[in-house]
N, C-alpha and C. Protein backbone atom coordinates (compact mmCIF):
# COMPACT_ATOMS: atom_id res chain seq x y z
N MET A 1 -15.69 -186.38 11.07
CA MET A 1 -15.43 -187.79 11.37
C MET A 1 -13.99 -188.17 11.05
N LYS A 2 -13.43 -187.62 9.94
CA LYS A 2 -12.09 -188.01 9.53
C LYS A 2 -11.04 -187.53 10.51
N ASN A 3 -11.38 -186.49 11.30
CA ASN A 3 -10.41 -185.96 12.25
C ASN A 3 -10.34 -186.79 13.53
N ARG A 4 -11.30 -187.70 13.68
CA ARG A 4 -11.30 -188.54 14.88
C ARG A 4 -10.15 -189.54 14.86
N THR A 5 -9.53 -189.74 16.03
CA THR A 5 -8.52 -190.79 16.14
C THR A 5 -9.22 -192.14 16.05
N GLU A 6 -8.69 -193.02 15.24
CA GLU A 6 -9.32 -194.33 15.07
C GLU A 6 -9.20 -195.15 16.35
N ILE A 7 -10.32 -195.62 16.85
CA ILE A 7 -10.32 -196.48 18.04
C ILE A 7 -10.21 -197.94 17.60
N LYS A 8 -9.21 -198.61 18.14
CA LYS A 8 -8.99 -200.02 17.79
C LYS A 8 -9.24 -200.97 18.95
N ALA A 9 -9.21 -200.43 20.18
CA ALA A 9 -9.38 -201.29 21.36
C ALA A 9 -10.18 -200.58 22.44
N ILE A 10 -10.98 -201.34 23.15
CA ILE A 10 -11.77 -200.81 24.26
C ILE A 10 -11.51 -201.70 25.46
N VAL A 11 -11.12 -201.08 26.57
CA VAL A 11 -10.76 -201.82 27.78
C VAL A 11 -11.76 -201.47 28.89
N PHE A 12 -12.24 -202.50 29.56
CA PHE A 12 -13.25 -202.33 30.61
C PHE A 12 -12.71 -202.70 31.99
N ASP A 13 -13.11 -201.94 32.98
CA ASP A 13 -12.98 -202.33 34.38
C ASP A 13 -14.03 -203.42 34.63
N PHE A 14 -13.89 -204.18 35.71
CA PHE A 14 -14.87 -205.23 36.00
C PHE A 14 -15.86 -204.80 37.09
N PHE A 15 -15.36 -204.65 38.32
CA PHE A 15 -16.26 -204.32 39.44
C PHE A 15 -16.68 -202.86 39.36
N GLY A 16 -17.99 -202.65 39.33
CA GLY A 16 -18.53 -201.30 39.19
C GLY A 16 -18.92 -200.97 37.76
N VAL A 17 -18.55 -201.85 36.81
CA VAL A 17 -18.92 -201.64 35.41
C VAL A 17 -19.66 -202.87 34.87
N ILE A 18 -18.94 -203.98 34.76
CA ILE A 18 -19.54 -205.22 34.26
C ILE A 18 -20.27 -205.96 35.39
N CYS A 19 -19.73 -205.81 36.58
CA CYS A 19 -20.28 -206.48 37.77
C CYS A 19 -20.44 -205.45 38.88
N SER A 20 -21.36 -205.70 39.77
CA SER A 20 -21.53 -204.83 40.93
C SER A 20 -20.25 -204.80 41.76
N GLU A 21 -20.08 -203.76 42.55
CA GLU A 21 -19.02 -203.77 43.54
C GLU A 21 -19.33 -204.88 44.55
N VAL A 22 -18.31 -205.42 45.17
CA VAL A 22 -18.51 -206.52 46.11
C VAL A 22 -17.89 -206.18 47.47
N GLY A 23 -16.58 -205.93 47.49
CA GLY A 23 -15.88 -205.67 48.73
C GLY A 23 -16.50 -204.58 49.60
N PRO A 24 -16.78 -203.40 49.03
CA PRO A 24 -17.35 -202.32 49.85
C PRO A 24 -18.64 -202.72 50.55
N PHE A 25 -19.50 -203.48 49.86
CA PHE A 25 -20.76 -203.90 50.46
C PHE A 25 -20.54 -204.87 51.62
N TRP A 26 -19.55 -205.76 51.46
CA TRP A 26 -19.28 -206.71 52.54
C TRP A 26 -18.80 -205.97 53.79
N PHE A 27 -17.85 -205.06 53.63
CA PHE A 27 -17.32 -204.33 54.78
C PHE A 27 -18.40 -203.47 55.44
N GLN A 28 -19.27 -202.87 54.63
CA GLN A 28 -20.35 -202.04 55.18
C GLN A 28 -21.37 -202.87 55.96
N LYS A 29 -21.42 -204.14 55.67
CA LYS A 29 -22.35 -205.03 56.38
C LYS A 29 -21.94 -205.21 57.83
N TYR A 30 -20.62 -205.14 58.10
CA TYR A 30 -20.12 -205.46 59.44
C TYR A 30 -19.53 -204.28 60.20
N PHE A 31 -19.21 -203.19 59.51
CA PHE A 31 -18.51 -202.10 60.17
C PHE A 31 -19.11 -200.74 59.83
N PRO A 32 -18.97 -199.76 60.73
CA PRO A 32 -19.43 -198.40 60.43
C PRO A 32 -18.71 -197.88 59.18
N GLU A 33 -19.31 -196.91 58.51
CA GLU A 33 -18.84 -196.45 57.20
C GLU A 33 -17.34 -196.12 57.16
N LYS A 34 -16.89 -195.30 58.09
CA LYS A 34 -15.49 -194.86 58.05
C LYS A 34 -14.54 -196.04 58.30
N GLU A 35 -14.90 -196.89 59.26
CA GLU A 35 -14.08 -198.06 59.57
C GLU A 35 -14.12 -199.05 58.41
N ALA A 36 -15.29 -199.20 57.79
CA ALA A 36 -15.43 -200.11 56.65
C ALA A 36 -14.52 -199.68 55.51
N ARG A 37 -14.46 -198.37 55.25
CA ARG A 37 -13.61 -197.86 54.17
C ARG A 37 -12.13 -198.11 54.47
N ARG A 38 -11.75 -197.87 55.72
CA ARG A 38 -10.34 -198.05 56.11
C ARG A 38 -9.93 -199.52 56.00
N LEU A 39 -10.76 -200.39 56.51
CA LEU A 39 -10.45 -201.83 56.47
C LEU A 39 -10.44 -202.35 55.03
N LYS A 40 -11.40 -201.89 54.25
CA LYS A 40 -11.47 -202.33 52.85
C LYS A 40 -10.22 -201.91 52.10
N ASP A 41 -9.80 -200.66 52.29
CA ASP A 41 -8.60 -200.17 51.60
C ASP A 41 -7.38 -201.00 51.98
N PHE A 42 -7.27 -201.35 53.26
CA PHE A 42 -6.10 -202.10 53.72
C PHE A 42 -6.11 -203.53 53.21
N TYR A 43 -7.19 -204.25 53.47
CA TYR A 43 -7.23 -205.68 53.14
C TYR A 43 -7.36 -205.92 51.63
N ALA A 44 -8.15 -205.08 50.96
CA ALA A 44 -8.33 -205.27 49.52
C ALA A 44 -7.03 -205.00 48.77
N GLN A 45 -6.27 -204.01 49.22
CA GLN A 45 -5.03 -203.69 48.52
C GLN A 45 -4.04 -204.84 48.59
N LEU A 46 -3.96 -205.51 49.73
CA LEU A 46 -3.06 -206.66 49.86
C LEU A 46 -3.44 -207.74 48.85
N ALA A 47 -4.74 -207.99 48.72
CA ALA A 47 -5.21 -209.01 47.79
C ALA A 47 -5.04 -208.54 46.35
N ASP A 48 -5.34 -207.26 46.10
CA ASP A 48 -5.23 -206.72 44.73
C ASP A 48 -3.79 -206.76 44.23
N LEU A 49 -2.84 -206.59 45.14
CA LEU A 49 -1.43 -206.63 44.76
C LEU A 49 -0.89 -208.05 44.66
N GLY A 50 -1.69 -209.02 45.10
CA GLY A 50 -1.24 -210.40 45.08
C GLY A 50 -0.36 -210.76 46.26
N GLU A 51 -0.35 -209.89 47.28
CA GLU A 51 0.49 -210.16 48.46
C GLU A 51 -0.16 -211.18 49.38
N VAL A 52 -1.48 -211.33 49.28
CA VAL A 52 -2.18 -212.43 49.95
C VAL A 52 -3.10 -213.07 48.91
N SER A 53 -3.33 -214.36 49.05
CA SER A 53 -4.20 -215.07 48.11
C SER A 53 -5.67 -214.80 48.46
N GLY A 54 -6.55 -215.23 47.59
CA GLY A 54 -7.97 -215.10 47.86
C GLY A 54 -8.37 -215.84 49.11
N ASP A 55 -7.82 -217.05 49.30
CA ASP A 55 -8.13 -217.83 50.50
C ASP A 55 -7.64 -217.13 51.76
N GLU A 56 -6.45 -216.55 51.67
CA GLU A 56 -5.90 -215.81 52.82
C GLU A 56 -6.74 -214.59 53.13
N LEU A 57 -7.21 -213.93 52.08
CA LEU A 57 -8.09 -212.75 52.28
C LEU A 57 -9.35 -213.15 53.03
N PHE A 58 -9.99 -214.23 52.59
CA PHE A 58 -11.22 -214.65 53.24
C PHE A 58 -10.97 -215.10 54.68
N SER A 59 -9.82 -215.70 54.93
CA SER A 59 -9.47 -216.11 56.30
C SER A 59 -9.28 -214.88 57.19
N ASN A 60 -8.60 -213.88 56.66
CA ASN A 60 -8.38 -212.64 57.42
C ASN A 60 -9.70 -211.93 57.72
N LEU A 61 -10.57 -211.88 56.72
CA LEU A 61 -11.85 -211.20 56.90
C LEU A 61 -12.76 -212.00 57.84
N ALA A 62 -12.65 -213.32 57.78
CA ALA A 62 -13.45 -214.17 58.66
C ALA A 62 -13.11 -213.89 60.12
N ALA A 63 -11.82 -213.70 60.40
CA ALA A 63 -11.38 -213.39 61.76
C ALA A 63 -11.93 -212.04 62.20
N LEU A 64 -11.97 -211.10 61.29
CA LEU A 64 -12.51 -209.76 61.61
C LEU A 64 -13.99 -209.81 61.95
N ALA A 65 -14.74 -210.59 61.17
CA ALA A 65 -16.20 -210.59 61.29
C ALA A 65 -16.73 -211.75 62.13
N HIS A 66 -15.80 -212.55 62.70
CA HIS A 66 -16.20 -213.72 63.51
C HIS A 66 -17.06 -214.68 62.70
N LYS A 67 -16.61 -214.94 61.48
CA LYS A 67 -17.26 -215.87 60.57
C LYS A 67 -16.25 -216.93 60.14
N THR A 68 -16.69 -217.91 59.39
CA THR A 68 -15.76 -218.86 58.81
C THR A 68 -15.36 -218.35 57.42
N PRO A 69 -14.18 -218.75 56.93
CA PRO A 69 -13.78 -218.33 55.58
C PRO A 69 -14.81 -218.70 54.50
N ILE A 70 -15.44 -219.86 54.65
CA ILE A 70 -16.45 -220.27 53.67
C ILE A 70 -17.65 -219.34 53.72
N GLU A 71 -18.05 -218.92 54.91
CA GLU A 71 -19.17 -217.99 55.03
C GLU A 71 -18.84 -216.65 54.37
N VAL A 72 -17.61 -216.19 54.57
CA VAL A 72 -17.20 -214.92 53.95
C VAL A 72 -17.19 -215.06 52.43
N SER A 73 -16.64 -216.16 51.94
CA SER A 73 -16.61 -216.41 50.50
C SER A 73 -18.02 -216.42 49.92
N ASP A 74 -18.94 -217.10 50.61
CA ASP A 74 -20.34 -217.16 50.16
C ASP A 74 -20.97 -215.78 50.17
N GLU A 75 -20.64 -214.97 51.20
CA GLU A 75 -21.18 -213.62 51.27
C GLU A 75 -20.67 -212.76 50.12
N PHE A 76 -19.39 -212.89 49.81
CA PHE A 76 -18.83 -212.16 48.67
C PHE A 76 -19.57 -212.54 47.39
N GLN A 77 -19.77 -213.84 47.20
CA GLN A 77 -20.46 -214.30 45.99
C GLN A 77 -21.89 -213.77 45.93
N SER A 78 -22.52 -213.60 47.09
CA SER A 78 -23.91 -213.13 47.12
C SER A 78 -24.04 -211.69 46.64
N PHE A 79 -22.94 -210.94 46.70
CA PHE A 79 -22.97 -209.54 46.25
C PHE A 79 -22.67 -209.41 44.76
N VAL A 80 -22.33 -210.50 44.11
CA VAL A 80 -22.01 -210.46 42.68
C VAL A 80 -23.30 -210.34 41.86
N LYS A 81 -23.44 -209.22 41.19
CA LYS A 81 -24.59 -208.98 40.31
C LYS A 81 -24.04 -208.46 38.98
N LEU A 82 -24.25 -209.23 37.94
CA LEU A 82 -23.71 -208.85 36.63
C LEU A 82 -24.63 -207.87 35.92
N ASN A 83 -24.03 -206.95 35.17
CA ASN A 83 -24.79 -205.98 34.38
C ASN A 83 -24.98 -206.58 32.99
N SER A 84 -26.11 -207.22 32.77
CA SER A 84 -26.34 -207.95 31.52
C SER A 84 -26.34 -207.02 30.31
N GLU A 85 -26.79 -205.77 30.49
CA GLU A 85 -26.80 -204.83 29.37
C GLU A 85 -25.38 -204.49 28.92
N VAL A 86 -24.49 -204.28 29.88
CA VAL A 86 -23.10 -203.98 29.54
C VAL A 86 -22.45 -205.20 28.88
N ILE A 87 -22.73 -206.38 29.39
CA ILE A 87 -22.16 -207.60 28.80
C ILE A 87 -22.61 -207.78 27.36
N GLU A 88 -23.89 -207.53 27.08
CA GLU A 88 -24.39 -207.65 25.72
C GLU A 88 -23.76 -206.60 24.81
N LEU A 89 -23.55 -205.41 25.36
CA LEU A 89 -22.89 -204.35 24.59
C LEU A 89 -21.47 -204.77 24.22
N ILE A 90 -20.74 -205.34 25.17
CA ILE A 90 -19.37 -205.80 24.91
C ILE A 90 -19.37 -206.85 23.80
N LYS A 91 -20.33 -207.75 23.84
CA LYS A 91 -20.42 -208.79 22.80
C LYS A 91 -20.66 -208.17 21.43
N ARG A 92 -21.42 -207.07 21.39
CA ARG A 92 -21.68 -206.40 20.11
C ARG A 92 -20.45 -205.66 19.60
N LEU A 93 -19.53 -205.34 20.51
CA LEU A 93 -18.30 -204.65 20.11
C LEU A 93 -17.27 -205.60 19.50
N ARG A 94 -17.39 -206.88 19.82
CA ARG A 94 -16.36 -207.86 19.46
C ARG A 94 -15.98 -207.88 17.97
N PRO A 95 -16.94 -207.77 17.06
CA PRO A 95 -16.55 -207.84 15.64
C PRO A 95 -15.71 -206.64 15.17
N PHE A 96 -15.73 -205.56 15.94
CA PHE A 96 -15.14 -204.31 15.46
C PHE A 96 -13.90 -203.84 16.21
N TYR A 97 -13.70 -204.33 17.44
CA TYR A 97 -12.61 -203.83 18.28
C TYR A 97 -11.92 -204.97 19.03
N LYS A 98 -10.65 -204.73 19.39
CA LYS A 98 -10.00 -205.59 20.36
C LYS A 98 -10.57 -205.21 21.73
N LEU A 99 -10.80 -206.20 22.57
CA LEU A 99 -11.43 -205.94 23.86
C LEU A 99 -10.54 -206.41 25.01
N GLY A 100 -10.42 -205.55 26.02
CA GLY A 100 -9.61 -205.89 27.17
C GLY A 100 -10.38 -205.74 28.47
N LEU A 101 -9.95 -206.48 29.47
CA LEU A 101 -10.47 -206.35 30.83
C LEU A 101 -9.30 -206.03 31.74
N CYS A 102 -9.46 -205.01 32.58
CA CYS A 102 -8.39 -204.62 33.50
C CYS A 102 -9.01 -204.36 34.86
N SER A 103 -8.68 -205.19 35.83
CA SER A 103 -9.35 -205.11 37.12
C SER A 103 -8.38 -205.24 38.29
N ASN A 104 -8.64 -204.45 39.32
CA ASN A 104 -7.97 -204.64 40.61
C ASN A 104 -8.75 -205.72 41.36
N SER A 105 -8.13 -206.86 41.57
CA SER A 105 -8.86 -207.95 42.22
C SER A 105 -7.93 -209.08 42.61
N SER A 106 -8.41 -209.87 43.56
CA SER A 106 -7.79 -211.16 43.84
C SER A 106 -8.02 -212.05 42.64
N SER A 107 -6.99 -212.73 42.18
CA SER A 107 -7.09 -213.56 40.98
C SER A 107 -8.16 -214.64 41.11
N SER A 108 -8.13 -215.39 42.20
CA SER A 108 -9.06 -216.52 42.33
C SER A 108 -10.51 -216.07 42.34
N PHE A 109 -10.78 -214.91 42.95
CA PHE A 109 -12.17 -214.45 43.05
C PHE A 109 -12.71 -214.04 41.68
N ILE A 110 -11.99 -213.17 40.98
CA ILE A 110 -12.51 -212.71 39.69
C ILE A 110 -12.46 -213.82 38.65
N ARG A 111 -11.43 -214.66 38.70
CA ARG A 111 -11.36 -215.76 37.74
C ARG A 111 -12.52 -216.72 37.91
N SER A 112 -12.96 -216.92 39.17
CA SER A 112 -14.10 -217.82 39.40
C SER A 112 -15.38 -217.26 38.79
N ILE A 113 -15.53 -215.93 38.86
CA ILE A 113 -16.71 -215.29 38.26
C ILE A 113 -16.65 -215.38 36.75
N LEU A 114 -15.49 -215.05 36.18
CA LEU A 114 -15.35 -215.10 34.72
C LEU A 114 -15.61 -216.50 34.19
N LYS A 115 -15.14 -217.50 34.94
CA LYS A 115 -15.33 -218.89 34.49
C LYS A 115 -16.78 -219.33 34.63
N SER A 116 -17.38 -219.08 35.79
CA SER A 116 -18.76 -219.54 36.02
C SER A 116 -19.76 -218.85 35.11
N GLN A 117 -19.48 -217.59 34.76
CA GLN A 117 -20.39 -216.83 33.91
C GLN A 117 -19.98 -216.86 32.44
N ARG A 118 -18.92 -217.61 32.14
CA ARG A 118 -18.42 -217.74 30.76
C ARG A 118 -18.14 -216.38 30.13
N LEU A 119 -17.42 -215.55 30.86
CA LEU A 119 -17.13 -214.20 30.39
C LEU A 119 -15.69 -214.04 29.88
N GLY A 120 -14.81 -214.95 30.26
CA GLY A 120 -13.41 -214.81 29.88
C GLY A 120 -13.21 -214.76 28.37
N ASP A 121 -14.02 -215.51 27.63
CA ASP A 121 -13.82 -215.62 26.18
C ASP A 121 -14.27 -214.39 25.40
N ILE A 122 -14.98 -213.47 26.04
CA ILE A 122 -15.43 -212.30 25.29
C ILE A 122 -14.34 -211.22 25.23
N PHE A 123 -13.24 -211.44 25.97
CA PHE A 123 -12.13 -210.49 25.95
C PHE A 123 -10.91 -211.09 25.26
N ASP A 124 -10.21 -210.24 24.54
CA ASP A 124 -8.96 -210.67 23.92
C ASP A 124 -7.84 -210.73 24.95
N VAL A 125 -7.91 -209.84 25.93
CA VAL A 125 -6.88 -209.74 26.95
C VAL A 125 -7.52 -209.51 28.32
N VAL A 126 -7.06 -210.24 29.32
CA VAL A 126 -7.53 -210.05 30.70
C VAL A 126 -6.31 -209.77 31.57
N VAL A 127 -6.28 -208.59 32.18
CA VAL A 127 -5.18 -208.21 33.07
C VAL A 127 -5.76 -207.99 34.47
N ILE A 128 -5.29 -208.79 35.42
CA ILE A 128 -5.76 -208.71 36.81
C ILE A 128 -4.59 -208.28 37.68
N SER A 129 -4.84 -207.29 38.51
CA SER A 129 -3.76 -206.66 39.28
C SER A 129 -2.94 -207.66 40.10
N SER A 130 -3.62 -208.60 40.75
CA SER A 130 -2.91 -209.54 41.63
C SER A 130 -2.01 -210.49 40.85
N GLU A 131 -2.26 -210.64 39.57
CA GLU A 131 -1.45 -211.53 38.74
C GLU A 131 -0.20 -210.83 38.20
N CYS A 132 -0.22 -209.49 38.18
CA CYS A 132 0.94 -208.76 37.67
C CYS A 132 1.59 -207.91 38.75
N GLY A 133 0.98 -207.86 39.95
CA GLY A 133 1.56 -207.13 41.07
C GLY A 133 1.50 -205.62 40.94
N VAL A 134 0.59 -205.13 40.11
CA VAL A 134 0.42 -203.68 39.90
C VAL A 134 -1.06 -203.37 39.92
N ILE A 135 -1.44 -202.31 40.66
CA ILE A 135 -2.86 -201.95 40.73
C ILE A 135 -3.12 -200.59 40.09
N LYS A 136 -4.33 -200.45 39.52
CA LYS A 136 -4.75 -199.14 39.04
C LYS A 136 -4.78 -198.19 40.22
N PRO A 137 -4.37 -196.94 40.06
CA PRO A 137 -4.09 -196.23 38.81
C PRO A 137 -2.61 -196.17 38.41
N ASP A 138 -1.81 -197.13 38.80
CA ASP A 138 -0.40 -197.18 38.40
C ASP A 138 -0.32 -197.28 36.87
N GLU A 139 0.45 -196.41 36.27
CA GLU A 139 0.56 -196.36 34.82
C GLU A 139 0.98 -197.71 34.21
N ARG A 140 1.75 -198.48 34.97
CA ARG A 140 2.29 -199.72 34.42
C ARG A 140 1.21 -200.73 34.03
N ILE A 141 0.08 -200.71 34.73
CA ILE A 141 -0.95 -201.71 34.42
C ILE A 141 -1.65 -201.38 33.11
N TYR A 142 -1.81 -200.08 32.83
CA TYR A 142 -2.42 -199.68 31.55
C TYR A 142 -1.47 -199.98 30.39
N LYS A 143 -0.18 -199.73 30.62
CA LYS A 143 0.81 -200.01 29.58
C LYS A 143 0.87 -201.51 29.29
N LEU A 144 0.68 -202.33 30.32
CA LEU A 144 0.67 -203.78 30.14
C LEU A 144 -0.52 -204.21 29.28
N VAL A 145 -1.69 -203.65 29.56
CA VAL A 145 -2.88 -203.96 28.77
C VAL A 145 -2.66 -203.58 27.31
N LEU A 146 -2.13 -202.38 27.09
CA LEU A 146 -1.89 -201.91 25.73
C LEU A 146 -0.89 -202.80 25.00
N GLU A 147 0.14 -203.22 25.73
CA GLU A 147 1.16 -204.10 25.14
C GLU A 147 0.54 -205.43 24.72
N LYS A 148 -0.30 -205.99 25.61
CA LYS A 148 -0.92 -207.28 25.30
C LYS A 148 -1.92 -207.15 24.15
N LEU A 149 -2.60 -206.00 24.06
CA LEU A 149 -3.56 -205.78 22.97
C LEU A 149 -2.86 -205.38 21.68
N ALA A 150 -1.59 -204.99 21.79
CA ALA A 150 -0.80 -204.54 20.63
C ALA A 150 -1.44 -203.34 19.95
N VAL A 151 -1.84 -202.35 20.75
CA VAL A 151 -2.39 -201.10 20.23
C VAL A 151 -1.71 -199.92 20.91
N GLN A 152 -1.76 -198.78 20.24
CA GLN A 152 -1.24 -197.55 20.82
C GLN A 152 -2.28 -196.96 21.76
N ALA A 153 -1.80 -196.23 22.77
CA ALA A 153 -2.71 -195.65 23.75
C ALA A 153 -3.77 -194.77 23.11
N GLU A 154 -3.36 -193.95 22.11
CA GLU A 154 -4.30 -193.01 21.50
C GLU A 154 -5.39 -193.70 20.70
N ASN A 155 -5.20 -194.99 20.42
CA ASN A 155 -6.21 -195.76 19.69
C ASN A 155 -7.07 -196.62 20.61
N SER A 156 -7.09 -196.27 21.88
CA SER A 156 -7.82 -197.09 22.85
C SER A 156 -8.69 -196.24 23.77
N ILE A 157 -9.70 -196.90 24.32
CA ILE A 157 -10.61 -196.29 25.30
C ILE A 157 -10.57 -197.14 26.56
N PHE A 158 -10.55 -196.49 27.71
CA PHE A 158 -10.62 -197.21 28.98
C PHE A 158 -11.87 -196.76 29.74
N ILE A 159 -12.65 -197.74 30.21
CA ILE A 159 -13.92 -197.46 30.90
C ILE A 159 -13.84 -197.96 32.33
N ASP A 160 -14.10 -197.08 33.29
CA ASP A 160 -13.99 -197.42 34.71
C ASP A 160 -14.96 -196.53 35.48
N ASP A 161 -15.42 -197.00 36.62
CA ASP A 161 -16.32 -196.18 37.44
C ASP A 161 -15.56 -195.29 38.41
N SER A 162 -14.24 -195.42 38.46
CA SER A 162 -13.42 -194.62 39.37
C SER A 162 -12.69 -193.51 38.63
N PRO A 163 -12.95 -192.24 38.98
CA PRO A 163 -12.24 -191.12 38.33
C PRO A 163 -10.73 -191.23 38.45
N ILE A 164 -10.23 -191.73 39.58
CA ILE A 164 -8.78 -191.86 39.77
C ILE A 164 -8.19 -192.85 38.77
N ASN A 165 -8.91 -193.94 38.55
CA ASN A 165 -8.43 -194.94 37.58
C ASN A 165 -8.49 -194.41 36.16
N ILE A 166 -9.48 -193.56 35.87
CA ILE A 166 -9.57 -192.93 34.56
C ILE A 166 -8.38 -191.99 34.35
N GLU A 167 -8.04 -191.25 35.39
CA GLU A 167 -6.89 -190.35 35.30
C GLU A 167 -5.60 -191.13 35.01
N GLY A 168 -5.48 -192.30 35.61
CA GLY A 168 -4.31 -193.14 35.36
C GLY A 168 -4.23 -193.55 33.90
N ALA A 169 -5.38 -193.92 33.33
CA ALA A 169 -5.41 -194.31 31.91
C ALA A 169 -5.08 -193.12 31.01
N GLN A 170 -5.63 -191.99 31.34
CA GLN A 170 -5.39 -190.79 30.53
C GLN A 170 -3.93 -190.36 30.60
N SER A 171 -3.27 -190.65 31.72
CA SER A 171 -1.87 -190.25 31.88
C SER A 171 -0.94 -190.98 30.91
N VAL A 172 -1.40 -192.14 30.40
CA VAL A 172 -0.58 -192.86 29.42
C VAL A 172 -1.08 -192.61 27.99
N GLY A 173 -2.13 -191.78 27.86
CA GLY A 173 -2.61 -191.41 26.54
C GLY A 173 -3.89 -192.08 26.08
N MET A 174 -4.49 -192.92 26.94
CA MET A 174 -5.76 -193.56 26.59
C MET A 174 -6.89 -192.55 26.74
N LYS A 175 -7.95 -192.76 25.98
CA LYS A 175 -9.15 -191.95 26.16
C LYS A 175 -9.94 -192.56 27.32
N GLY A 176 -10.30 -191.76 28.31
CA GLY A 176 -10.99 -192.29 29.48
C GLY A 176 -12.47 -191.97 29.49
N VAL A 177 -13.27 -192.95 29.87
CA VAL A 177 -14.72 -192.77 30.00
C VAL A 177 -15.13 -193.23 31.39
N ILE A 178 -15.70 -192.31 32.16
CA ILE A 178 -16.19 -192.67 33.50
C ILE A 178 -17.56 -193.32 33.37
N PHE A 179 -17.68 -194.52 33.91
CA PHE A 179 -18.94 -195.27 33.81
C PHE A 179 -19.88 -194.88 34.93
N SER A 180 -21.12 -194.54 34.56
CA SER A 180 -22.16 -194.29 35.56
C SER A 180 -23.29 -195.30 35.41
N ASP A 181 -23.74 -195.49 34.17
CA ASP A 181 -24.75 -196.51 33.90
C ASP A 181 -24.74 -196.86 32.42
N PHE A 182 -25.49 -197.88 32.06
CA PHE A 182 -25.49 -198.38 30.69
C PHE A 182 -25.97 -197.33 29.70
N GLN A 183 -27.04 -196.61 30.04
CA GLN A 183 -27.60 -195.63 29.12
C GLN A 183 -26.58 -194.54 28.80
N GLU A 184 -25.90 -194.05 29.82
CA GLU A 184 -24.91 -193.00 29.61
C GLU A 184 -23.74 -193.52 28.76
N LEU A 185 -23.34 -194.76 29.00
CA LEU A 185 -22.25 -195.35 28.22
C LEU A 185 -22.65 -195.44 26.75
N ASN A 186 -23.87 -195.81 26.48
CA ASN A 186 -24.37 -195.87 25.11
C ASN A 186 -24.29 -194.51 24.44
N LEU A 187 -24.66 -193.48 25.17
CA LEU A 187 -24.63 -192.11 24.64
C LEU A 187 -23.19 -191.69 24.34
N VAL A 188 -22.29 -192.00 25.26
CA VAL A 188 -20.87 -191.66 25.07
C VAL A 188 -20.32 -192.38 23.84
N PHE A 189 -20.63 -193.66 23.70
CA PHE A 189 -20.17 -194.42 22.54
C PHE A 189 -20.70 -193.81 21.24
N ALA A 190 -21.95 -193.37 21.27
CA ALA A 190 -22.54 -192.75 20.07
C ALA A 190 -21.79 -191.47 19.72
N ARG A 191 -21.47 -190.67 20.74
CA ARG A 191 -20.75 -189.41 20.51
C ARG A 191 -19.35 -189.67 19.96
N LEU A 192 -18.74 -190.77 20.41
CA LEU A 192 -17.38 -191.10 19.98
C LEU A 192 -17.35 -191.87 18.66
N GLY A 193 -18.54 -192.19 18.14
CA GLY A 193 -18.60 -192.93 16.88
C GLY A 193 -18.22 -194.39 17.01
N ILE A 194 -18.42 -194.94 18.21
CA ILE A 194 -18.10 -196.37 18.44
C ILE A 194 -19.15 -197.24 17.76
N LYS A 195 -18.67 -198.21 17.02
CA LYS A 195 -19.54 -199.09 16.24
C LYS A 195 -20.00 -200.28 17.07
N THR A 196 -21.30 -200.46 17.18
CA THR A 196 -21.84 -201.60 17.93
C THR A 196 -22.74 -202.47 17.07
N SER A 197 -22.82 -202.13 15.79
CA SER A 197 -23.68 -202.88 14.88
C SER A 197 -23.12 -202.78 13.47
N SER A 198 -23.42 -203.78 12.64
CA SER A 198 -22.96 -203.75 11.26
C SER A 198 -23.81 -202.83 10.40
N LYS A 199 -24.94 -202.38 10.96
CA LYS A 199 -25.80 -201.45 10.22
C LYS A 199 -25.14 -200.08 10.15
N VAL A 200 -25.23 -199.46 8.98
CA VAL A 200 -24.64 -198.12 8.81
C VAL A 200 -25.57 -197.08 9.37
């Protein structure tokens, strides 16, 4: 145990970890798989980088799907499903670690979810790609999170459902954990000696 690097901060991805994926499901609803992936990569990246606003994104997608922007926005919201087990786990981590959120997303969309679900306050730091103009797996976004948390990379863990994003975190020295489900995350935390309770 003494040889373990002390973990001081844990950083979570949002979509695919705390919340269901949203964009991929919307594109798959209207387009064949290969076309859906291509369109999602193109339009989502513009929004994730902050080059278009959330409203502009919904307007662009509405034109693609022959819908109104409000209908597209409502459809996006309908795909939002929160992982209550992961959220409760994060709350149990709060007394022991600094907590961060790092997500590739349109600011207005993710901020609306965090506000409506009262999730913003459970994190010490929230870094959203569109607000800083950098998307995962660019090393700069992980360095920004670490700077805001005031911790060294080796004292932090990054959790994401994307192997590419995990590689980005590891490239700056963070410990990376690929998220598959809540049970597996619990097992990984146990192996790493992560404290989730005041009980010894």
